[in-house]
N, C-alpha and C. Protein backbone atom coordinates (compact mmCIF):
# COMPACT_ATOMS: atom_id res chain seq x y z
N UNK A 1 13.16 192.94 -3.68
CA UNK A 1 13.45 191.71 -2.91
C UNK A 1 14.97 191.52 -3.19
N UNK A 2 15.80 191.49 -2.08
CA UNK A 2 17.08 191.09 -2.32
C UNK A 2 17.44 189.69 -2.29
N UNK A 3 18.91 189.33 -2.21
CA UNK A 3 19.26 187.98 -2.28
C UNK A 3 18.96 187.54 -0.83
N UNK A 4 18.98 188.33 0.10
CA UNK A 4 18.81 187.88 1.64
C UNK A 4 17.45 188.11 2.07
N UNK A 5 16.50 188.14 1.23
CA UNK A 5 15.22 188.25 1.57
C UNK A 5 14.65 187.03 2.42
N UNK A 6 14.25 187.22 3.75
CA UNK A 6 13.90 186.06 4.50
C UNK A 6 12.58 185.55 4.05
N UNK A 7 11.85 186.19 3.19
CA UNK A 7 10.39 185.74 2.67
C UNK A 7 10.37 185.07 1.43
N UNK A 8 11.47 184.90 0.79
CA UNK A 8 11.68 184.04 -0.36
C UNK A 8 11.16 182.53 -0.14
N UNK A 9 10.51 182.07 -1.03
CA UNK A 9 10.05 180.59 -0.95
C UNK A 9 11.30 179.62 -0.67
N UNK A 10 11.12 178.92 0.17
CA UNK A 10 12.12 177.73 0.45
C UNK A 10 11.54 176.50 1.00
N UNK A 11 12.25 175.32 0.65
CA UNK A 11 11.83 174.10 1.11
C UNK A 11 12.50 173.86 2.53
N UNK A 12 11.45 173.68 3.41
CA UNK A 12 11.96 173.52 4.85
C UNK A 12 12.22 172.04 5.21
N UNK A 13 12.80 171.79 6.49
CA UNK A 13 13.21 170.39 6.72
C UNK A 13 11.89 169.62 6.71
N UNK A 14 10.97 170.23 7.10
CA UNK A 14 9.60 169.42 7.29
C UNK A 14 9.15 169.30 5.90
N UNK A 15 9.25 170.13 5.02
CA UNK A 15 8.67 169.85 3.64
C UNK A 15 9.65 168.86 2.81
N UNK A 16 10.92 168.95 3.23
CA UNK A 16 11.70 167.90 2.66
C UNK A 16 11.42 166.43 3.10
N UNK A 17 11.08 166.51 4.33
CA UNK A 17 10.59 165.16 4.98
C UNK A 17 9.44 164.65 4.32
N UNK A 18 8.41 165.47 4.13
CA UNK A 18 7.11 165.18 3.38
C UNK A 18 7.45 164.68 1.92
N UNK A 19 8.32 165.42 1.20
CA UNK A 19 8.78 165.19 -0.09
C UNK A 19 9.46 163.62 -0.20
N UNK A 20 10.21 163.40 0.88
CA UNK A 20 11.02 162.20 0.99
C UNK A 20 9.90 161.07 0.98
N UNK A 21 8.82 161.13 1.71
CA UNK A 21 7.86 160.13 1.96
C UNK A 21 7.12 160.01 0.79
N UNK A 22 6.81 161.11 0.06
CA UNK A 22 6.00 160.95 -1.29
C UNK A 22 6.98 160.31 -2.27
N UNK A 23 8.08 160.64 -2.43
CA UNK A 23 9.03 160.04 -3.30
C UNK A 23 9.21 158.49 -3.11
N UNK A 24 9.12 158.03 -1.92
CA UNK A 24 9.23 156.64 -1.50
C UNK A 24 8.08 156.04 -2.14
N UNK A 25 6.74 156.73 -1.93
CA UNK A 25 5.46 156.16 -2.30
C UNK A 25 5.52 155.91 -3.98
N UNK A 26 6.23 157.02 -4.63
CA UNK A 26 6.41 156.86 -6.03
C UNK A 26 7.40 156.02 -6.62
N UNK A 27 8.09 155.18 -5.77
CA UNK A 27 9.00 153.99 -6.08
C UNK A 27 10.52 154.23 -5.93
N UNK A 28 10.95 155.49 -5.41
CA UNK A 28 12.34 155.68 -5.04
C UNK A 28 12.62 154.87 -3.94
N UNK A 29 14.04 154.20 -3.93
CA UNK A 29 14.50 153.44 -2.80
C UNK A 29 14.91 154.53 -1.77
N UNK A 30 15.05 154.01 -0.53
CA UNK A 30 15.77 154.73 0.59
C UNK A 30 17.09 155.36 0.19
N UNK A 31 17.76 154.57 -0.58
CA UNK A 31 19.11 155.00 -1.07
C UNK A 31 19.03 156.10 -2.04
N UNK A 32 18.11 156.21 -2.79
CA UNK A 32 17.72 157.30 -3.82
C UNK A 32 17.39 158.51 -3.12
N UNK A 33 16.49 158.35 -2.22
CA UNK A 33 16.06 159.63 -1.31
C UNK A 33 17.16 160.12 -0.60
N UNK A 34 18.03 159.24 0.09
CA UNK A 34 19.08 159.69 0.86
C UNK A 34 20.24 160.53 -0.06
N UNK A 35 20.26 159.87 -1.33
CA UNK A 35 21.18 160.59 -2.19
C UNK A 35 20.78 161.97 -2.55
N UNK A 36 19.46 162.20 -2.81
CA UNK A 36 18.76 163.50 -3.05
C UNK A 36 18.95 164.36 -1.73
N UNK A 37 18.70 163.83 -0.68
CA UNK A 37 18.92 164.64 0.69
C UNK A 37 20.41 165.04 0.92
N UNK A 38 21.28 164.21 0.60
CA UNK A 38 22.71 164.45 0.77
C UNK A 38 23.16 165.63 -0.03
N UNK A 39 22.58 165.73 -1.22
CA UNK A 39 22.95 166.96 -2.30
C UNK A 39 22.36 168.31 -1.71
N UNK A 40 21.25 168.16 -0.91
CA UNK A 40 20.54 169.42 -0.57
C UNK A 40 20.94 169.72 0.88
N UNK A 41 21.70 168.87 1.69
CA UNK A 41 21.92 169.19 3.02
C UNK A 41 22.63 170.30 3.32
N UNK A 42 23.50 170.88 2.50
CA UNK A 42 24.42 171.96 2.97
C UNK A 42 23.25 173.17 3.06
N UNK A 43 22.50 173.38 2.09
CA UNK A 43 21.39 174.56 2.19
C UNK A 43 20.44 174.43 3.27
N UNK A 44 19.93 173.00 3.40
CA UNK A 44 19.01 172.80 4.32
C UNK A 44 19.40 173.05 5.66
N UNK A 45 20.58 172.95 6.11
CA UNK A 45 21.13 173.05 7.47
C UNK A 45 21.91 174.42 7.77
N UNK A 46 21.63 175.31 6.96
CA UNK A 46 22.12 176.66 7.19
C UNK A 46 21.52 177.31 8.24
N UNK A 47 22.14 178.23 8.92
CA UNK A 47 21.54 178.92 10.03
C UNK A 47 20.93 180.29 9.71
N UNK A 48 19.99 180.72 10.43
CA UNK A 48 19.36 182.06 10.23
C UNK A 48 18.47 182.06 9.11
N UNK A 49 18.34 183.28 8.43
CA UNK A 49 17.64 183.54 7.26
C UNK A 49 17.74 182.73 6.12
N UNK A 50 19.07 182.02 6.10
CA UNK A 50 19.43 181.21 4.95
C UNK A 50 18.89 179.80 5.08
N UNK A 51 18.28 179.58 6.27
CA UNK A 51 17.80 178.04 6.49
C UNK A 51 16.81 177.67 5.50
N UNK A 52 16.97 176.53 4.87
CA UNK A 52 16.11 176.07 3.83
C UNK A 52 16.64 175.96 2.37
N UNK A 53 16.13 175.60 1.54
CA UNK A 53 16.64 175.32 0.19
C UNK A 53 15.70 176.42 -0.60
N UNK A 54 16.23 177.32 -1.15
CA UNK A 54 15.54 178.15 -2.16
C UNK A 54 15.63 177.65 -3.49
N UNK A 55 14.78 178.39 -4.39
CA UNK A 55 14.71 177.90 -5.77
C UNK A 55 16.09 177.81 -6.52
N UNK A 56 16.99 178.84 -6.44
CA UNK A 56 18.34 178.75 -7.02
C UNK A 56 19.01 177.61 -6.45
N UNK A 57 19.11 177.28 -5.13
CA UNK A 57 19.88 176.17 -4.72
C UNK A 57 19.15 174.92 -5.28
N UNK A 58 18.07 174.86 -5.29
CA UNK A 58 17.45 173.66 -5.67
C UNK A 58 17.75 173.35 -7.17
N UNK A 59 17.77 174.35 -7.97
CA UNK A 59 17.98 174.25 -9.43
C UNK A 59 19.48 173.80 -9.58
N UNK A 60 20.39 174.38 -8.74
CA UNK A 60 21.94 174.00 -8.65
C UNK A 60 21.82 172.62 -8.32
N UNK A 61 21.33 172.22 -7.30
CA UNK A 61 21.44 170.73 -6.77
C UNK A 61 20.84 169.81 -7.97
N UNK A 62 19.86 170.16 -8.65
CA UNK A 62 19.24 169.24 -9.73
C UNK A 62 20.27 169.19 -10.85
N UNK A 63 20.79 170.36 -11.19
CA UNK A 63 21.75 170.48 -12.09
C UNK A 63 22.96 169.66 -12.09
N UNK A 64 23.46 169.82 -10.82
CA UNK A 64 24.42 168.93 -10.30
C UNK A 64 24.20 167.42 -10.46
N UNK A 65 23.06 167.02 -10.07
CA UNK A 65 22.73 165.69 -10.11
C UNK A 65 22.48 165.17 -11.52
N UNK A 66 22.05 165.93 -12.41
CA UNK A 66 21.90 165.68 -13.80
C UNK A 66 23.43 165.71 -14.42
N UNK A 67 24.08 166.55 -14.11
CA UNK A 67 25.54 166.55 -14.80
C UNK A 67 26.60 165.39 -14.12
N UNK A 68 26.12 165.08 -13.07
CA UNK A 68 27.17 164.10 -12.53
C UNK A 68 26.32 162.68 -11.97
N UNK A 69 25.83 161.90 -12.92
CA UNK A 69 25.01 160.70 -12.69
C UNK A 69 25.79 159.79 -11.85
N UNK A 70 27.16 159.82 -11.76
CA UNK A 70 27.94 158.92 -11.04
C UNK A 70 27.87 159.11 -9.59
N UNK A 71 27.58 160.57 -9.18
CA UNK A 71 27.47 160.74 -7.77
C UNK A 71 26.28 160.33 -6.92
N UNK A 72 25.27 159.72 -7.72
CA UNK A 72 24.09 159.22 -7.10
C UNK A 72 23.60 158.12 -7.64
N UNK A 73 22.48 157.53 -7.27
CA UNK A 73 21.83 156.39 -7.80
C UNK A 73 20.55 156.65 -8.48
N UNK A 74 20.16 157.87 -8.83
CA UNK A 74 18.87 158.25 -9.34
C UNK A 74 18.86 158.20 -10.95
N UNK A 75 17.95 157.55 -11.67
CA UNK A 75 17.84 157.64 -12.94
C UNK A 75 17.18 158.93 -13.52
N UNK A 76 17.16 159.21 -14.77
CA UNK A 76 16.61 160.59 -15.20
C UNK A 76 15.33 160.54 -14.81
N UNK A 77 14.57 159.60 -15.04
CA UNK A 77 13.11 159.61 -14.54
C UNK A 77 12.79 159.82 -13.11
N UNK A 78 13.72 159.33 -12.25
CA UNK A 78 13.58 159.57 -10.99
C UNK A 78 14.01 160.86 -10.44
N UNK A 79 15.01 161.51 -11.23
CA UNK A 79 15.28 163.00 -11.07
C UNK A 79 14.19 163.80 -11.36
N UNK A 80 13.38 163.39 -12.40
CA UNK A 80 12.29 164.25 -12.89
C UNK A 80 11.27 164.18 -11.67
N UNK A 81 10.97 163.24 -11.07
CA UNK A 81 10.13 162.96 -9.89
C UNK A 81 10.63 163.76 -8.83
N UNK A 82 11.76 163.88 -8.40
CA UNK A 82 12.40 164.53 -7.30
C UNK A 82 12.17 166.10 -7.71
N UNK A 83 12.43 166.44 -8.76
CA UNK A 83 12.34 167.95 -9.37
C UNK A 83 10.85 168.39 -9.11
N UNK A 84 9.87 167.67 -9.84
CA UNK A 84 8.39 167.92 -9.76
C UNK A 84 8.01 167.90 -8.15
N UNK A 85 8.55 167.03 -7.46
CA UNK A 85 8.12 167.02 -6.06
C UNK A 85 8.50 168.24 -5.24
N UNK A 86 9.88 168.54 -5.45
CA UNK A 86 10.40 169.62 -4.66
C UNK A 86 9.97 171.02 -4.98
N UNK A 87 9.77 171.12 -6.34
CA UNK A 87 9.34 172.41 -6.88
C UNK A 87 7.80 172.78 -6.28
N UNK A 88 7.09 171.51 -6.09
CA UNK A 88 5.88 171.95 -5.53
C UNK A 88 5.89 172.47 -4.09
N UNK A 89 7.06 172.26 -3.35
CA UNK A 89 7.22 172.66 -2.12
C UNK A 89 7.63 174.29 -2.07
N UNK A 90 8.09 174.83 -3.13
CA UNK A 90 8.56 176.32 -3.25
C UNK A 90 7.29 177.19 -3.36
C-alpha cells in the first residue's frame, strides 16, 4: 500500500458533517465545530484520490490544534471529543 493508495481510510465530507452534528450534541458550539472544520478544510477539499482526510492528515491537524490553542476556541477536553469522533470515521 503506497502513499497514494485510494483505498486507505479517509473521513469524507459526509462523515465530517455527521461528526459535526455529533459534536454539537456533545456540547461543542457552532464556533468550535467551525474551527475544527477550518483546520481540516484543505485535506477535505482536495481533488481526485486525495479527497478526504486520512489518518496522517487528521493527526497533523489535531497536533496543530493542540500546539496552537490560540488559533481556535476548543479546550483540551473538546479536542479530545473531536479526536475520538473523527477517529471513529477512519
